[in-house]
N, C-alpha and C. Protein backbone atom coordinates (compact mmCIF):
# COMPACT_ATOMS: atom_id res chain seq x y z
N MET A 1 104.49 170.91 160.33
CA MET A 1 103.14 170.66 159.94
C MET A 1 102.68 169.81 161.19
N ALA A 2 101.48 170.30 161.73
CA ALA A 2 100.98 169.77 162.92
C ALA A 2 100.51 168.32 162.82
N ALA A 3 100.56 167.16 163.60
CA ALA A 3 99.99 166.17 163.64
C ALA A 3 98.51 165.87 163.42
N GLN A 4 97.99 165.26 162.86
CA GLN A 4 96.70 164.47 162.86
C GLN A 4 95.73 164.50 163.97
N SER A 5 96.26 164.15 164.77
CA SER A 5 95.80 164.12 166.53
C SER A 5 95.93 165.96 166.82
N GLN A 6 96.77 166.67 166.75
CA GLN A 6 96.60 167.69 166.88
C GLN A 6 95.59 168.59 166.01
N TYR A 7 95.06 168.19 165.22
CA TYR A 7 94.28 168.97 164.29
C TYR A 7 92.95 168.31 164.26
N GLU A 8 92.74 167.20 165.22
CA GLU A 8 91.34 166.33 165.47
C GLU A 8 91.13 167.24 166.91
N GLN A 9 92.35 167.56 167.79
CA GLN A 9 92.20 168.20 169.39
C GLN A 9 91.98 169.55 168.40
N LEU A 10 92.25 170.31 168.09
CA LEU A 10 91.81 171.82 167.23
C LEU A 10 90.21 172.00 167.04
N ALA A 11 90.04 170.90 165.90
CA ALA A 11 88.46 170.72 165.62
C ALA A 11 87.76 170.56 166.93
N ARG A 12 87.80 169.78 168.03
CA ARG A 12 87.26 169.84 169.31
C ARG A 12 86.93 171.28 170.03
N GLN A 13 87.96 171.64 169.92
CA GLN A 13 88.31 173.00 170.89
C GLN A 13 87.45 174.28 169.82
N LEU A 14 87.56 174.02 168.43
CA LEU A 14 86.62 175.13 167.73
C LEU A 14 85.29 174.77 168.13
N SER A 15 84.72 173.36 168.27
CA SER A 15 83.80 173.06 168.23
C SER A 15 83.27 173.66 169.27
N ALA A 16 83.62 173.73 170.53
CA ALA A 16 83.34 173.94 171.64
C ALA A 16 83.12 175.72 171.72
N ILE A 17 84.03 176.36 171.02
CA ILE A 17 83.26 177.76 170.64
C ILE A 17 82.13 178.14 170.95
N GLY A 18 81.26 177.41 170.34
CA GLY A 18 80.03 177.86 170.61
C GLY A 18 79.31 178.14 171.80
N ALA A 19 79.84 177.63 173.20
CA ALA A 19 79.28 177.66 174.54
C ALA A 19 80.33 179.21 174.92
N VAL A 20 81.25 179.50 174.31
CA VAL A 20 81.57 180.62 174.42
C VAL A 20 80.72 181.94 173.88
N LYS A 21 80.28 181.53 172.19
CA LYS A 21 79.25 182.57 171.81
C LYS A 21 77.99 182.77 172.42
N ARG A 22 77.60 181.28 173.05
CA ARG A 22 76.46 181.55 173.83
C ARG A 22 76.33 182.12 174.71
N GLY A 23 77.73 182.27 175.62
CA GLY A 23 77.77 182.89 176.88
C GLY A 23 77.89 184.32 176.50
N LEU A 24 78.39 184.79 175.12
CA LEU A 24 78.61 186.20 175.37
C LEU A 24 77.13 186.57 174.59
N ALA A 25 76.73 185.65 174.52
CA ALA A 25 74.93 186.27 173.44
C ALA A 25 73.75 186.57 174.90
N ARG A 26 74.47 186.06 176.09
CA ARG A 26 73.48 186.25 177.57
C ARG A 26 73.64 187.86 177.64
N VAL A 27 74.47 188.29 177.24
CA VAL A 27 74.78 190.06 177.41
C VAL A 27 73.50 190.79 176.73
N LEU A 28 73.08 189.98 175.56
CA LEU A 28 72.55 190.84 174.47
C LEU A 28 71.12 191.28 175.25
N PRO A 29 70.63 192.43 174.56
CA PRO A 29 69.39 192.37 174.94
C PRO A 29 68.42 191.44 174.54
N TYR A 30 67.48 191.17 175.06
CA TYR A 30 66.51 190.10 174.54
C TYR A 30 65.84 190.40 172.91
N ASP A 31 65.73 191.68 172.55
CA ASP A 31 65.40 191.75 171.51
C ASP A 31 66.77 191.79 170.12
N CYS A 32 67.62 191.51 170.54
CA CYS A 32 68.48 191.88 169.48
C CYS A 32 69.49 190.67 169.35
N PRO A 33 69.07 190.03 168.48
CA PRO A 33 69.81 188.53 168.57
C PRO A 33 71.31 188.85 167.56
N PRO A 34 71.75 187.36 167.75
CA PRO A 34 73.32 187.93 167.34
C PRO A 34 73.39 188.42 165.60
N GLY A 35 72.05 187.55 164.73
CA GLY A 35 72.10 188.06 163.26
C GLY A 35 71.69 189.56 163.01
N SER A 36 70.87 190.11 164.27
CA SER A 36 70.44 191.49 164.34
C SER A 36 72.03 192.69 164.60
N ILE A 37 72.64 191.85 165.31
CA ILE A 37 73.99 192.36 165.58
C ILE A 37 75.28 192.54 164.41
N ALA A 38 75.02 191.13 164.07
CA ALA A 38 75.73 191.26 162.76
C ALA A 38 75.51 192.52 161.48
N VAL A 39 74.21 192.71 160.96
CA VAL A 39 73.55 193.52 160.45
C VAL A 39 74.25 195.02 160.63
N LEU A 40 74.15 195.07 161.91
CA LEU A 40 74.93 196.72 162.49
C LEU A 40 76.04 196.84 162.16
N ASN A 41 76.74 195.40 162.66
CA ASN A 41 78.24 195.59 162.65
C ASN A 41 78.83 196.17 161.19
N LEU A 42 78.05 195.41 160.40
CA LEU A 42 78.47 195.36 158.61
C LEU A 42 78.48 196.66 158.14
N LEU A 43 77.31 197.21 158.43
CA LEU A 43 76.75 199.13 158.33
C LEU A 43 78.05 199.48 158.82
N ASP A 44 78.08 199.55 160.40
CA ASP A 44 79.29 200.45 160.45
C ASP A 44 80.51 200.22 160.04
N LEU A 45 80.73 199.04 159.78
CA LEU A 45 81.95 198.87 159.60
C LEU A 45 82.34 199.09 157.51
N HIS A 46 81.24 199.18 157.01
CA HIS A 46 81.24 199.16 155.27
C HIS A 46 80.55 200.28 155.10
N GLY A 47 79.52 200.75 155.70
CA GLY A 47 78.82 202.19 155.50
C GLY A 47 77.79 201.64 154.78
N GLU A 48 76.83 202.33 153.92
CA GLU A 48 75.73 202.33 153.55
C GLU A 48 75.78 201.19 152.34
N MET A 49 74.92 200.56 152.18
CA MET A 49 75.08 199.31 151.13
C MET A 49 73.55 198.87 150.45
N ARG A 50 73.43 198.13 149.62
CA ARG A 50 72.29 197.37 149.32
C ARG A 50 71.77 196.18 150.14
N MET A 51 70.71 195.66 149.90
CA MET A 51 70.67 194.54 150.55
C MET A 51 71.37 193.05 150.03
N SER A 52 71.34 193.56 149.05
CA SER A 52 72.23 192.02 148.35
C SER A 52 73.75 192.18 148.90
N ARG A 53 74.39 193.33 148.85
CA ARG A 53 75.61 193.26 149.73
C ARG A 53 75.56 192.53 150.62
N MET A 54 74.58 192.99 151.52
CA MET A 54 74.24 192.68 153.12
C MET A 54 74.29 191.24 152.54
N ALA A 55 73.61 190.45 152.08
CA ALA A 55 73.23 189.41 151.88
C ALA A 55 74.85 188.19 151.48
N GLU A 56 75.58 189.19 150.36
CA GLU A 56 76.95 188.86 150.36
C GLU A 56 77.52 188.61 151.42
N LEU A 57 77.99 189.87 152.33
CA LEU A 57 79.03 190.13 153.64
C LEU A 57 78.53 188.60 154.45
N LEU A 58 77.07 188.70 154.62
CA LEU A 58 76.61 187.79 155.86
C LEU A 58 76.57 186.36 155.45
N ALA A 59 77.03 186.12 154.05
CA ALA A 59 77.07 184.88 153.30
C ALA A 59 75.95 183.67 154.00
N VAL A 60 74.34 184.67 153.59
CA VAL A 60 73.44 184.05 154.08
C VAL A 60 72.26 184.49 152.36
N ASP A 61 71.20 183.36 152.58
CA ASP A 61 70.61 184.10 151.13
C ASP A 61 70.05 185.16 151.44
N MET A 62 69.10 185.84 150.63
CA MET A 62 68.40 186.82 150.55
C MET A 62 67.06 187.25 151.57
N SER A 63 66.63 185.42 151.67
CA SER A 63 65.35 185.81 152.66
C SER A 63 65.67 185.62 154.16
N VAL A 64 66.92 185.32 154.54
CA VAL A 64 67.55 185.76 155.89
C VAL A 64 67.95 186.94 155.98
N THR A 65 68.69 187.17 155.22
CA THR A 65 69.20 188.71 154.87
C THR A 65 68.18 190.03 155.40
N SER A 66 67.01 189.57 154.93
CA SER A 66 65.64 190.07 154.91
C SER A 66 64.83 190.20 156.13
N ARG A 67 64.98 189.08 156.51
CA ARG A 67 64.65 189.12 157.88
C ARG A 67 65.12 189.45 159.10
N HIS A 68 66.61 189.34 159.11
CA HIS A 68 67.48 190.23 160.06
C HIS A 68 67.30 191.81 159.59
N VAL A 69 67.73 192.21 158.46
CA VAL A 69 67.35 193.67 158.24
C VAL A 69 65.74 194.37 158.58
N ALA A 70 64.87 193.25 158.50
CA ALA A 70 63.13 193.81 158.66
C ALA A 70 63.29 194.02 160.43
N HIS A 71 64.07 193.07 161.32
CA HIS A 71 64.08 192.91 162.78
C HIS A 71 64.58 194.54 163.08
N VAL A 72 65.61 194.54 162.47
CA VAL A 72 66.88 195.90 163.10
C VAL A 72 66.11 196.90 162.24
N ALA A 73 65.11 196.97 161.30
CA ALA A 73 64.85 198.16 160.67
C ALA A 73 63.83 198.65 161.89
N ASP A 74 62.71 197.94 162.11
CA ASP A 74 61.60 197.51 162.95
C ASP A 74 61.47 198.34 164.18
N ARG A 75 63.17 198.40 165.03
CA ARG A 75 63.80 198.82 165.98
C ARG A 75 64.25 199.89 165.79
N GLY A 76 64.28 200.78 164.63
CA GLY A 76 65.12 201.78 164.51
C GLY A 76 66.41 201.84 164.52
N TRP A 77 67.18 200.69 164.27
CA TRP A 77 68.59 201.08 164.26
C TRP A 77 69.23 201.00 163.01
N LEU A 78 68.36 200.57 161.83
CA LEU A 78 68.67 201.00 160.35
C LEU A 78 67.45 201.59 159.78
N ASP A 79 68.15 202.11 158.48
CA ASP A 79 67.27 203.13 157.55
C ASP A 79 67.16 202.54 156.58
N ARG A 80 66.05 202.05 155.99
CA ARG A 80 65.84 201.60 154.71
C ARG A 80 65.26 202.49 153.79
N SER A 81 66.18 203.09 152.32
CA SER A 81 65.31 204.07 151.86
C SER A 81 65.57 203.68 150.09
N PRO A 82 64.92 204.08 149.16
CA PRO A 82 65.04 203.49 148.02
C PRO A 82 66.21 203.86 147.24
N ASP A 83 66.94 203.03 146.80
CA ASP A 83 68.41 203.27 146.07
C ASP A 83 67.94 204.25 144.87
N PRO A 84 68.53 205.68 144.50
CA PRO A 84 68.16 206.49 143.51
C PRO A 84 68.58 205.88 142.25
N SER A 85 69.18 205.06 142.21
CA SER A 85 69.84 204.39 140.85
C SER A 85 69.02 203.01 140.07
N ASP A 86 68.40 202.63 141.35
CA ASP A 86 66.97 201.80 141.18
C ASP A 86 66.31 201.62 141.95
N ARG A 87 65.14 202.19 141.98
CA ARG A 87 63.83 202.26 142.71
C ARG A 87 63.45 201.29 143.33
N ARG A 88 63.64 199.95 142.46
CA ARG A 88 63.27 198.58 143.00
C ARG A 88 64.21 198.39 144.43
N SER A 89 65.41 198.84 144.76
CA SER A 89 66.40 198.42 145.60
C SER A 89 66.31 199.43 146.82
N ARG A 90 66.94 199.00 148.03
CA ARG A 90 66.86 199.44 149.11
C ARG A 90 68.32 199.86 149.25
N ILE A 91 68.46 201.14 149.76
CA ILE A 91 70.13 201.19 150.67
C ILE A 91 69.80 201.27 152.28
N LEU A 92 70.47 200.70 152.54
CA LEU A 92 70.95 200.48 154.37
C LEU A 92 71.76 201.28 154.73
N ARG A 93 71.06 201.92 155.92
CA ARG A 93 71.93 202.84 156.67
C ARG A 93 71.84 202.35 158.03
N LEU A 94 72.87 202.52 158.99
CA LEU A 94 72.93 202.74 160.11
C LEU A 94 72.34 203.90 160.59
N THR A 95 71.40 203.95 161.96
CA THR A 95 70.76 205.23 162.40
C THR A 95 71.76 205.78 163.32
N PRO A 96 71.50 207.02 163.98
CA PRO A 96 72.45 206.99 164.91
C PRO A 96 71.83 206.15 166.42
N GLU A 97 70.34 205.89 166.46
CA GLU A 97 70.08 204.96 167.24
C GLU A 97 71.23 203.28 167.11
N GLY A 98 71.29 203.01 166.24
CA GLY A 98 71.83 201.79 165.80
C GLY A 98 73.18 202.04 166.17
N LYS A 99 73.80 203.37 165.96
CA LYS A 99 75.23 203.48 166.54
C LYS A 99 75.46 203.24 168.04
N LEU A 100 74.42 203.93 168.48
CA LEU A 100 74.40 203.87 169.80
C LEU A 100 74.09 202.53 170.46
N LEU A 101 73.42 201.75 170.08
CA LEU A 101 73.26 200.46 170.35
C LEU A 101 74.73 199.25 170.47
N LEU A 102 75.33 199.83 169.48
CA LEU A 102 76.57 199.20 169.03
C LEU A 102 77.41 199.56 169.79
N THR A 103 77.53 200.93 170.55
CA THR A 103 78.26 201.22 171.06
C THR A 103 78.27 200.59 172.92
N GLU A 104 76.73 200.35 172.92
CA GLU A 104 76.40 199.80 174.23
C GLU A 104 76.92 198.16 174.10
N LEU A 105 76.68 197.60 173.05
CA LEU A 105 76.87 196.14 173.03
C LEU A 105 78.16 195.53 173.12
N SER A 106 79.23 196.41 172.43
CA SER A 106 80.80 196.35 172.34
C SER A 106 81.07 196.73 174.00
N GLU A 107 80.55 197.42 174.98
CA GLU A 107 80.77 197.39 176.13
C GLU A 107 80.39 196.27 176.96
N ARG A 108 79.17 195.91 176.42
CA ARG A 108 78.67 194.45 177.19
C ARG A 108 79.59 193.12 176.69
N TYR A 109 80.12 193.63 175.72
CA TYR A 109 80.73 192.50 175.27
C TYR A 109 82.24 192.45 176.23
N VAL A 110 82.88 193.27 176.38
CA VAL A 110 83.95 193.76 176.90
C VAL A 110 84.07 193.74 178.21
N ARG A 111 82.93 193.55 178.99
CA ARG A 111 82.63 193.65 180.42
C ARG A 111 82.51 191.80 180.25
N ALA A 112 82.05 191.34 179.34
CA ALA A 112 81.81 189.59 179.65
C ALA A 112 82.87 189.06 179.35
N LEU A 113 83.88 189.49 178.41
CA LEU A 113 85.25 189.21 178.33
C LEU A 113 85.95 189.17 179.31
N GLY A 114 86.18 190.38 179.96
CA GLY A 114 86.98 190.93 180.91
C GLY A 114 86.56 190.01 182.62
N HIS A 115 85.57 189.76 182.58
CA HIS A 115 84.88 188.73 183.47
C HIS A 115 85.66 187.55 183.58
N TYR A 116 85.52 186.85 182.40
CA TYR A 116 85.67 185.54 182.14
C TYR A 116 86.99 185.21 182.03
N MET A 117 87.75 186.52 181.58
CA MET A 117 88.88 186.09 181.53
C MET A 117 89.91 187.04 182.26
N GLU A 118 89.39 187.21 183.38
CA GLU A 118 89.82 187.68 184.72
C GLU A 118 91.37 187.39 184.82
N ASN A 119 91.62 185.88 184.83
CA ASN A 119 92.89 185.39 185.34
C ASN A 119 93.71 184.91 183.80
N TRP A 120 93.65 185.79 182.95
CA TRP A 120 94.20 185.63 182.06
C TRP A 120 95.71 186.56 181.98
N SER A 121 96.90 186.43 181.30
CA SER A 121 97.67 187.61 181.50
C SER A 121 97.39 188.50 179.96
N ASP A 122 98.07 189.82 179.97
CA ASP A 122 98.15 190.45 178.81
C ASP A 122 98.54 189.69 177.90
N GLU A 123 99.90 188.81 177.90
CA GLU A 123 100.38 187.90 177.03
C GLU A 123 99.53 187.19 176.40
N GLU A 124 98.72 186.35 177.27
CA GLU A 124 98.23 185.31 176.81
C GLU A 124 96.71 185.93 176.22
N VAL A 125 96.37 186.83 176.53
CA VAL A 125 95.22 187.48 175.88
C VAL A 125 95.42 187.97 174.19
N ASP A 126 96.88 188.79 174.03
CA ASP A 126 97.31 189.12 172.97
C ASP A 126 97.88 187.95 172.08
N GLN A 127 98.11 186.87 172.80
CA GLN A 127 98.75 185.43 172.08
C GLN A 127 97.25 185.24 171.59
N LEU A 128 96.00 184.95 172.25
CA LEU A 128 95.24 184.52 171.61
C LEU A 128 94.39 185.14 170.21
N ILE A 129 94.23 186.87 170.42
CA ILE A 129 94.05 187.75 169.66
C ILE A 129 94.83 187.28 168.16
N SER A 130 96.06 186.89 168.30
CA SER A 130 96.96 187.02 167.34
C SER A 130 96.78 185.75 166.14
N LEU A 131 96.61 184.36 167.39
CA LEU A 131 96.36 183.17 166.60
C LEU A 131 95.11 183.37 165.99
N LEU A 132 94.16 183.62 166.74
CA LEU A 132 92.54 183.65 166.08
C LEU A 132 92.49 184.68 164.89
N GLY A 133 93.18 185.61 164.71
CA GLY A 133 93.16 186.41 163.64
C GLY A 133 93.92 185.80 162.77
N ARG A 134 95.03 185.05 162.68
CA ARG A 134 95.70 184.17 161.76
C ARG A 134 94.84 182.98 161.08
N LEU A 135 94.01 182.72 162.25
CA LEU A 135 93.56 181.34 161.78
C LEU A 135 92.48 182.10 160.63
N ARG A 136 91.64 183.15 161.24
CA ARG A 136 90.50 183.68 160.26
C ARG A 136 91.11 184.16 158.87
N GLN A 137 92.51 184.57 159.00
CA GLN A 137 92.79 185.19 157.55
C GLN A 137 93.47 184.01 156.93
N ASP A 138 93.49 182.88 157.31
CA ASP A 138 93.84 182.11 156.81
C ASP A 138 92.82 181.00 155.91
N PHE A 139 91.59 181.33 156.73
CA PHE A 139 90.62 180.58 155.83
C PHE A 139 89.98 181.29 155.02
N GLY A 140 90.31 182.95 155.39
CA GLY A 140 89.79 183.92 154.34
C GLY A 140 88.40 183.82 153.98
N ASP A 141 87.68 183.86 152.74
CA ASP A 141 86.09 183.39 152.59
C ASP A 141 86.06 181.87 152.57
N CYS A 142 85.66 181.53 153.50
CA CYS A 142 85.66 180.20 153.53
C CYS A 142 84.02 179.34 153.32
N ARG A 143 83.37 179.99 152.39
CA ARG A 143 81.95 179.83 152.18
C ARG A 143 81.92 178.28 151.76
N SER A 144 83.01 177.90 150.68
CA SER A 144 82.82 176.76 149.94
C SER A 144 84.61 176.04 150.67
N ILE A 145 84.19 174.63 150.84
CA ILE A 145 85.79 173.65 150.79
C ILE A 145 85.85 172.99 149.64
N PRO A 146 87.18 173.83 149.12
CA PRO A 146 87.72 172.94 147.89
C PRO A 146 87.56 171.60 147.98
N SER A 147 86.72 170.89 146.65
CA SER A 147 86.73 169.29 146.94
C SER A 147 87.90 168.36 146.91
N ARG A 148 89.15 169.13 146.99
CA ARG A 148 89.94 168.09 147.44
C ARG A 148 90.02 168.00 148.80
N LEU A 149 89.52 168.40 149.53
CA LEU A 149 89.24 167.97 150.68
C LEU A 149 88.21 167.23 151.43
N THR A 150 87.07 167.48 150.82
CA THR A 150 86.18 166.76 150.93
C THR A 150 85.54 165.40 150.38
N ASP A 151 84.71 164.77 150.38
CA ASP A 151 84.50 163.39 149.77
C ASP A 151 83.69 163.98 148.69
N ASP A 152 83.30 165.13 148.77
CA ASP A 152 82.26 165.64 147.21
C ASP A 152 82.93 165.80 146.25
N PRO A 153 82.19 165.40 145.04
CA PRO A 153 83.00 165.10 143.57
C PRO A 153 82.97 167.04 143.56
N ALA A 154 82.35 167.84 143.81
CA ALA A 154 82.57 169.26 143.61
C ALA A 154 82.27 170.48 145.06
N PRO A 155 82.66 171.27 144.68
CA PRO A 155 82.88 172.40 146.06
C PRO A 155 81.35 172.90 146.39
N ALA A 156 81.19 173.08 147.82
CA ALA A 156 79.87 173.41 147.84
C ALA A 156 79.35 174.65 147.07
N PRO A 157 77.84 174.91 146.58
CA PRO A 157 77.91 176.14 146.06
C PRO A 157 77.74 177.53 147.26
N SER A 158 78.38 178.47 146.95
CA SER A 158 78.88 179.63 147.64
C SER A 158 77.27 180.40 147.99
N ASP A 159 76.01 179.72 147.48
CA ASP A 159 75.13 180.68 148.18
C ASP A 159 74.36 180.28 148.91
N GLN A 160 75.05 179.08 149.81
CA GLN A 160 74.46 178.15 150.57
C GLN A 160 74.90 179.25 152.27
N PRO A 161 73.78 179.08 152.93
CA PRO A 161 74.47 180.00 154.38
C PRO A 161 75.19 179.08 155.27
N THR A 162 75.85 180.14 156.04
CA THR A 162 76.97 179.62 156.87
C THR A 162 76.47 179.88 157.91
N ALA A 163 77.86 179.54 158.91
CA ALA A 163 77.43 180.07 160.36
C ALA A 163 78.09 181.07 160.76
N ARG A 164 78.64 181.85 159.39
CA ARG A 164 79.65 183.03 160.01
C ARG A 164 78.92 184.09 160.20
N THR A 165 79.47 184.89 161.47
CA THR A 165 78.91 185.84 162.03
C THR A 165 80.04 186.68 162.36
N SER A 166 79.57 188.15 162.57
CA SER A 166 80.38 189.21 162.64
C SER A 166 80.20 189.30 164.45
N SER A 167 81.58 189.66 165.03
CA SER A 167 81.43 190.09 166.65
C SER A 167 81.66 191.10 166.61
N LEU A 168 81.22 191.70 167.70
CA LEU A 168 81.89 192.88 168.36
C LEU A 168 82.90 193.13 168.60
């Protein structure tokens, strides 16, 4: 097990990841914020779904999800159609335009990573991929932290918004 000072150093480095995310966000089109990309990525990964499922996967409340979905739908990147089993609900589907946008965004991200990591060896990139994957897997669904790890008497409610987003 790592020493406390190592965990403190890791916490600082993970906080600094925000600079990396902001750098990657600079390659996005002006009308495509990260929340929109998260919606598109989830539809691409999981296929069509109800708005409630999208909110669950984004780990944010329905009002935030609704804003992201409306932004994406207004640009023609997803389709909202009535759910045949419940006309009050909507089924979200990625459009061909949305799929093309995802391909373009992925290419932009790859070029940006290639630029900033051009001095990294293949082994270093593979190691980073492996370790970040392991960290993400170990955290699993981390919408709430067990109360034994905080000073709070109970775990945080799972419906609270988180900073978790999908990346390309």
